Amino acid sequence: MTRPTHGSLLTDLPAAGADEDFRPLFDNGAVRIERIVSHHHASPPGFWYAQADDEWVLLVSGAAVLAFDDGREQAMAPGDWVLLPAGCKHRVARTDAATVWLAVHMRPADTESSYI
């Protein structure tokens, strides 16, 4: 089966719905890339993501606020990115309409990683 080798993050955006839209773009077992579209979504009260993989997230369009279990919040505008290490408890506090994210999930390295 031939896979697409190109596309656009900003075309064919889904209409607002009850849930965020997750569209896989690439997955080779070690790295998974997905587009996420949010329309005024937020994580349910008391819900926290704490993934087994490292996640690098870029806000492509719209606006969002991420919340962390230590009480911090990170406002995000287009072009902002954040690295969420494996196990980092976080949630989506709020998003604007047609907020588009690019998320890259990576298995944590067995050795110490260096981040710039």
N, C-alpha and C. Protein backbone atom coordinates (compact mmCIF):
# COMPACT_ATOMS: atom_id res chain seq x y z
N MET A 1 0.84 -1.17 0.00
CA MET A 1 0.00 0.00 0.00
C MET A 1 0.89 1.24 0.00
N THR A 2 0.64 2.17 -0.89
CA THR A 2 1.39 3.41 -0.96
C THR A 2 0.80 4.43 0.00
N ARG A 3 1.68 5.07 0.76
CA ARG A 3 1.23 6.08 1.72
C ARG A 3 1.44 7.46 1.12
N PRO A 4 0.61 8.42 1.52
CA PRO A 4 0.83 9.80 1.06
C PRO A 4 2.19 10.29 1.55
N THR A 5 2.84 11.09 0.74
CA THR A 5 4.15 11.64 1.11
C THR A 5 4.11 13.14 1.28
N HIS A 6 2.94 13.74 1.15
CA HIS A 6 2.81 15.19 1.36
C HIS A 6 1.36 15.52 1.69
N GLY A 7 1.15 16.73 2.16
CA GLY A 7 -0.20 17.17 2.51
C GLY A 7 -0.12 18.56 3.11
N SER A 8 -1.21 19.00 3.69
CA SER A 8 -1.29 20.30 4.33
C SER A 8 -1.97 20.15 5.68
N LEU A 9 -1.38 20.76 6.70
CA LEU A 9 -1.98 20.72 8.03
C LEU A 9 -3.25 21.56 8.11
N LEU A 10 -3.40 22.51 7.17
CA LEU A 10 -4.47 23.49 7.30
C LEU A 10 -5.61 23.30 6.30
N THR A 11 -5.62 22.18 5.58
CA THR A 11 -6.73 21.91 4.67
C THR A 11 -7.58 20.78 5.24
N ASP A 12 -8.81 20.72 4.79
CA ASP A 12 -9.74 19.68 5.22
C ASP A 12 -9.90 19.64 6.74
N LEU A 13 -9.99 20.83 7.36
CA LEU A 13 -10.19 20.86 8.80
C LEU A 13 -11.61 20.41 9.12
N PRO A 14 -11.76 19.57 10.12
CA PRO A 14 -13.10 19.10 10.48
C PRO A 14 -13.91 20.20 11.14
N ALA A 15 -15.21 20.11 11.01
CA ALA A 15 -16.11 21.04 11.69
C ALA A 15 -16.05 20.77 13.19
N ALA A 16 -16.48 21.73 13.96
CA ALA A 16 -16.52 21.56 15.41
C ALA A 16 -17.39 20.36 15.76
N GLY A 17 -16.93 19.60 16.71
CA GLY A 17 -17.67 18.43 17.18
C GLY A 17 -17.47 18.28 18.68
N ALA A 18 -17.98 17.21 19.21
CA ALA A 18 -17.89 16.99 20.65
C ALA A 18 -16.46 16.72 21.11
N ASP A 19 -15.64 16.14 20.23
CA ASP A 19 -14.28 15.78 20.59
C ASP A 19 -13.27 16.43 19.65
N GLU A 20 -12.03 16.51 20.12
CA GLU A 20 -10.95 16.95 19.25
C GLU A 20 -10.77 15.92 18.15
N ASP A 21 -10.24 16.36 17.01
CA ASP A 21 -9.99 15.46 15.88
C ASP A 21 -8.51 15.14 15.82
N PHE A 22 -8.17 13.85 15.89
CA PHE A 22 -6.79 13.38 15.82
C PHE A 22 -6.61 12.68 14.48
N ARG A 23 -5.66 13.18 13.66
CA ARG A 23 -5.40 12.58 12.36
C ARG A 23 -3.95 12.13 12.30
N PRO A 24 -3.69 10.80 12.24
CA PRO A 24 -2.31 10.32 12.12
C PRO A 24 -1.72 10.72 10.77
N LEU A 25 -0.48 11.18 10.80
CA LEU A 25 0.21 11.57 9.57
C LEU A 25 1.38 10.65 9.26
N PHE A 26 1.99 10.09 10.31
CA PHE A 26 3.17 9.22 10.14
C PHE A 26 3.33 8.38 11.39
N ASP A 27 3.73 7.12 11.22
CA ASP A 27 4.02 6.26 12.37
C ASP A 27 4.96 5.15 11.91
N ASN A 28 6.16 5.12 12.49
CA ASN A 28 7.09 4.04 12.15
C ASN A 28 7.40 3.17 13.36
N GLY A 29 6.61 3.29 14.41
CA GLY A 29 6.81 2.50 15.61
C GLY A 29 7.66 3.21 16.66
N ALA A 30 8.60 4.04 16.23
CA ALA A 30 9.43 4.80 17.16
C ALA A 30 8.97 6.25 17.25
N VAL A 31 8.42 6.76 16.14
CA VAL A 31 7.94 8.14 16.07
C VAL A 31 6.54 8.13 15.47
N ARG A 32 5.63 8.88 16.10
CA ARG A 32 4.27 9.02 15.58
C ARG A 32 3.98 10.52 15.48
N ILE A 33 3.50 10.96 14.32
CA ILE A 33 3.18 12.37 14.10
C ILE A 33 1.69 12.45 13.81
N GLU A 34 1.01 13.41 14.44
CA GLU A 34 -0.42 13.56 14.22
C GLU A 34 -0.80 15.03 14.20
N ARG A 35 -1.87 15.30 13.47
CA ARG A 35 -2.49 16.63 13.50
C ARG A 35 -3.67 16.53 14.45
N ILE A 36 -3.80 17.54 15.31
CA ILE A 36 -4.92 17.61 16.23
C ILE A 36 -5.65 18.91 15.95
N VAL A 37 -6.97 18.84 15.79
CA VAL A 37 -7.78 20.04 15.60
C VAL A 37 -8.74 20.15 16.77
N SER A 38 -8.70 21.32 17.41
CA SER A 38 -9.55 21.61 18.56
C SER A 38 -10.46 22.79 18.24
N HIS A 39 -11.69 22.72 18.71
CA HIS A 39 -12.65 23.82 18.55
C HIS A 39 -13.23 24.13 19.93
N HIS A 40 -12.60 25.01 20.66
CA HIS A 40 -13.03 25.37 22.02
C HIS A 40 -13.07 24.14 22.92
N HIS A 41 -12.15 23.21 22.72
CA HIS A 41 -12.10 22.01 23.55
C HIS A 41 -11.22 22.24 24.77
N ALA A 42 -11.46 21.43 25.78
CA ALA A 42 -10.63 21.36 26.98
C ALA A 42 -10.72 19.94 27.50
N SER A 43 -9.67 19.52 28.20
CA SER A 43 -9.71 18.20 28.83
C SER A 43 -10.80 18.19 29.89
N PRO A 44 -11.44 17.05 30.12
CA PRO A 44 -12.48 16.98 31.16
C PRO A 44 -11.90 17.34 32.53
N PRO A 45 -12.69 17.93 33.41
CA PRO A 45 -12.20 18.26 34.75
C PRO A 45 -11.60 17.04 35.43
N GLY A 46 -10.43 17.24 36.03
CA GLY A 46 -9.77 16.15 36.75
C GLY A 46 -9.01 15.17 35.87
N PHE A 47 -9.09 15.32 34.53
CA PHE A 47 -8.39 14.42 33.63
C PHE A 47 -6.99 14.94 33.36
N TRP A 48 -6.00 14.05 33.39
CA TRP A 48 -4.61 14.41 33.09
C TRP A 48 -4.03 13.43 32.09
N TYR A 49 -3.37 13.96 31.06
CA TYR A 49 -2.54 13.12 30.20
C TYR A 49 -1.25 12.84 30.95
N ALA A 50 -0.74 11.62 30.85
CA ALA A 50 0.57 11.24 31.39
C ALA A 50 1.07 10.10 30.50
N GLN A 51 1.48 10.46 29.30
CA GLN A 51 1.81 9.48 28.27
C GLN A 51 3.13 8.77 28.52
N ALA A 52 3.25 7.57 27.96
CA ALA A 52 4.48 6.79 28.08
C ALA A 52 5.58 7.32 27.15
N ASP A 53 5.19 8.11 26.14
CA ASP A 53 6.16 8.64 25.18
C ASP A 53 6.42 10.12 25.45
N ASP A 54 7.61 10.58 25.01
CA ASP A 54 7.86 12.02 24.96
C ASP A 54 6.96 12.59 23.87
N GLU A 55 6.51 13.83 24.05
CA GLU A 55 5.66 14.47 23.04
C GLU A 55 6.14 15.90 22.82
N TRP A 56 6.40 16.23 21.57
CA TRP A 56 6.75 17.59 21.17
C TRP A 56 5.54 18.13 20.42
N VAL A 57 5.03 19.29 20.87
CA VAL A 57 3.79 19.83 20.30
C VAL A 57 4.04 21.26 19.81
N LEU A 58 3.60 21.52 18.57
CA LEU A 58 3.67 22.85 17.97
C LEU A 58 2.25 23.35 17.75
N LEU A 59 1.96 24.56 18.17
CA LEU A 59 0.66 25.16 17.87
C LEU A 59 0.78 25.84 16.52
N VAL A 60 0.03 25.36 15.54
CA VAL A 60 0.11 25.85 14.17
C VAL A 60 -0.80 27.06 13.97
N SER A 61 -2.03 26.98 14.46
CA SER A 61 -2.98 28.09 14.34
C SER A 61 -3.93 28.07 15.53
N GLY A 62 -4.55 29.21 15.78
CA GLY A 62 -5.47 29.32 16.92
C GLY A 62 -4.72 29.74 18.17
N ALA A 63 -5.23 29.35 19.30
CA ALA A 63 -4.62 29.65 20.59
C ALA A 63 -5.05 28.58 21.58
N ALA A 64 -4.19 28.35 22.59
CA ALA A 64 -4.49 27.31 23.56
C ALA A 64 -3.77 27.62 24.87
N VAL A 65 -4.22 26.95 25.92
CA VAL A 65 -3.54 27.00 27.21
C VAL A 65 -3.42 25.56 27.69
N LEU A 66 -2.18 25.16 28.01
CA LEU A 66 -1.93 23.87 28.63
C LEU A 66 -1.80 24.08 30.13
N ALA A 67 -2.30 23.15 30.91
CA ALA A 67 -2.17 23.21 32.37
C ALA A 67 -1.37 22.00 32.83
N PHE A 68 -0.61 22.18 33.91
CA PHE A 68 0.23 21.12 34.46
C PHE A 68 -0.18 20.85 35.89
N ASP A 69 0.09 19.63 36.36
CA ASP A 69 -0.40 19.23 37.68
C ASP A 69 0.25 20.00 38.82
N ASP A 70 1.31 20.77 38.56
CA ASP A 70 1.91 21.59 39.61
C ASP A 70 1.29 22.98 39.68
N GLY A 71 0.22 23.21 38.86
CA GLY A 71 -0.48 24.48 38.88
C GLY A 71 -0.05 25.47 37.81
N ARG A 72 1.05 25.17 37.11
CA ARG A 72 1.49 26.07 36.04
C ARG A 72 0.56 25.99 34.85
N GLU A 73 0.49 27.10 34.11
CA GLU A 73 -0.22 27.11 32.83
C GLU A 73 0.71 27.68 31.77
N GLN A 74 0.59 27.18 30.57
CA GLN A 74 1.41 27.63 29.44
C GLN A 74 0.48 28.09 28.33
N ALA A 75 0.41 29.42 28.13
CA ALA A 75 -0.37 29.96 27.00
C ALA A 75 0.42 29.71 25.73
N MET A 76 -0.29 29.34 24.67
CA MET A 76 0.36 29.04 23.40
C MET A 76 -0.30 29.81 22.27
N ALA A 77 0.54 30.38 21.41
CA ALA A 77 0.11 31.10 20.21
C ALA A 77 0.77 30.42 19.02
N PRO A 78 0.31 30.71 17.80
CA PRO A 78 0.91 30.07 16.63
C PRO A 78 2.43 30.22 16.62
N GLY A 79 3.09 29.09 16.38
CA GLY A 79 4.55 29.04 16.37
C GLY A 79 5.15 28.58 17.67
N ASP A 80 4.38 28.61 18.77
CA ASP A 80 4.90 28.15 20.06
C ASP A 80 4.93 26.63 20.10
N TRP A 81 5.95 26.10 20.76
CA TRP A 81 6.05 24.65 20.92
C TRP A 81 6.42 24.34 22.35
N VAL A 82 6.15 23.10 22.75
CA VAL A 82 6.48 22.64 24.09
C VAL A 82 6.88 21.17 24.00
N LEU A 83 7.86 20.79 24.81
CA LEU A 83 8.27 19.40 24.93
C LEU A 83 7.68 18.85 26.22
N LEU A 84 6.90 17.78 26.10
CA LEU A 84 6.26 17.14 27.25
C LEU A 84 6.95 15.79 27.46
N PRO A 85 7.87 15.71 28.43
CA PRO A 85 8.55 14.44 28.66
C PRO A 85 7.56 13.34 29.05
N ALA A 86 7.93 12.11 28.78
CA ALA A 86 7.09 10.97 29.17
C ALA A 86 6.72 11.11 30.64
N GLY A 87 5.44 10.87 30.95
CA GLY A 87 4.95 10.92 32.31
C GLY A 87 4.56 12.30 32.81
N CYS A 88 4.83 13.34 32.02
CA CYS A 88 4.48 14.71 32.42
C CYS A 88 2.96 14.85 32.46
N LYS A 89 2.42 15.13 33.63
CA LYS A 89 0.97 15.28 33.76
C LYS A 89 0.56 16.65 33.24
N HIS A 90 -0.27 16.64 32.21
CA HIS A 90 -0.73 17.88 31.60
C HIS A 90 -2.15 17.69 31.08
N ARG A 91 -2.78 18.81 30.80
CA ARG A 91 -4.13 18.78 30.24
C ARG A 91 -4.32 20.01 29.38
N VAL A 92 -5.31 19.98 28.50
CA VAL A 92 -5.68 21.15 27.70
C VAL A 92 -6.69 21.94 28.52
N ALA A 93 -6.29 23.15 28.93
CA ALA A 93 -7.19 23.98 29.74
C ALA A 93 -8.24 24.66 28.86
N ARG A 94 -7.81 25.11 27.67
CA ARG A 94 -8.76 25.73 26.74
C ARG A 94 -8.10 25.91 25.39
N THR A 95 -8.95 26.02 24.37
CA THR A 95 -8.50 26.31 23.00
C THR A 95 -9.49 27.25 22.34
N ASP A 96 -9.02 27.93 21.31
CA ASP A 96 -9.90 28.73 20.46
C ASP A 96 -10.52 27.82 19.40
N ALA A 97 -11.42 28.38 18.59
CA ALA A 97 -11.97 27.63 17.46
C ALA A 97 -10.86 27.40 16.44
N ALA A 98 -10.94 26.29 15.74
CA ALA A 98 -9.99 25.93 14.67
C ALA A 98 -8.54 26.05 15.12
N THR A 99 -8.25 25.51 16.31
CA THR A 99 -6.88 25.44 16.79
C THR A 99 -6.26 24.17 16.23
N VAL A 100 -5.12 24.34 15.55
CA VAL A 100 -4.44 23.21 14.91
C VAL A 100 -3.09 22.99 15.59
N TRP A 101 -2.86 21.75 15.99
CA TRP A 101 -1.62 21.34 16.64
C TRP A 101 -0.90 20.34 15.74
N LEU A 102 0.42 20.30 15.84
CA LEU A 102 1.23 19.23 15.26
C LEU A 102 1.91 18.55 16.44
N ALA A 103 1.62 17.28 16.65
CA ALA A 103 2.18 16.54 17.78
C ALA A 103 3.11 15.45 17.27
N VAL A 104 4.29 15.38 17.85
CA VAL A 104 5.27 14.36 17.53
C VAL A 104 5.52 13.55 18.79
N HIS A 105 5.15 12.28 18.75
CA HIS A 105 5.32 11.37 19.89
C HIS A 105 6.55 10.51 19.61
N MET A 106 7.45 10.42 20.60
CA MET A 106 8.70 9.67 20.44
C MET A 106 8.91 8.78 21.65
N ARG A 107 9.33 7.56 21.38
CA ARG A 107 9.69 6.70 22.50
C ARG A 107 10.87 7.33 23.23
N PRO A 108 10.83 7.35 24.57
CA PRO A 108 11.97 7.92 25.30
C PRO A 108 13.24 7.15 24.99
N ALA A 109 14.35 7.86 24.87
CA ALA A 109 15.65 7.23 24.61
C ALA A 109 16.09 6.45 25.83
N ASP A 110 16.82 5.36 25.61
CA ASP A 110 17.34 4.56 26.72
C ASP A 110 18.50 5.26 27.41
N THR A 111 19.13 6.17 26.69
CA THR A 111 20.25 6.92 27.26
C THR A 111 19.81 8.35 27.51
N GLU A 112 20.63 9.08 28.24
CA GLU A 112 20.29 10.47 28.55
C GLU A 112 20.18 11.28 27.28
N SER A 113 19.10 12.02 27.16
CA SER A 113 18.87 12.86 25.99
C SER A 113 19.38 14.26 26.25
N SER A 114 19.72 14.95 25.17
CA SER A 114 20.09 16.34 25.34
C SER A 114 19.07 17.18 24.59
N TYR A 115 18.53 18.15 25.29
CA TYR A 115 17.56 19.07 24.72
C TYR A 115 18.20 20.44 24.67
N ILE A 116 17.96 21.13 23.63
CA ILE A 116 18.54 22.47 23.47
C ILE A 116 17.80 23.43 24.36
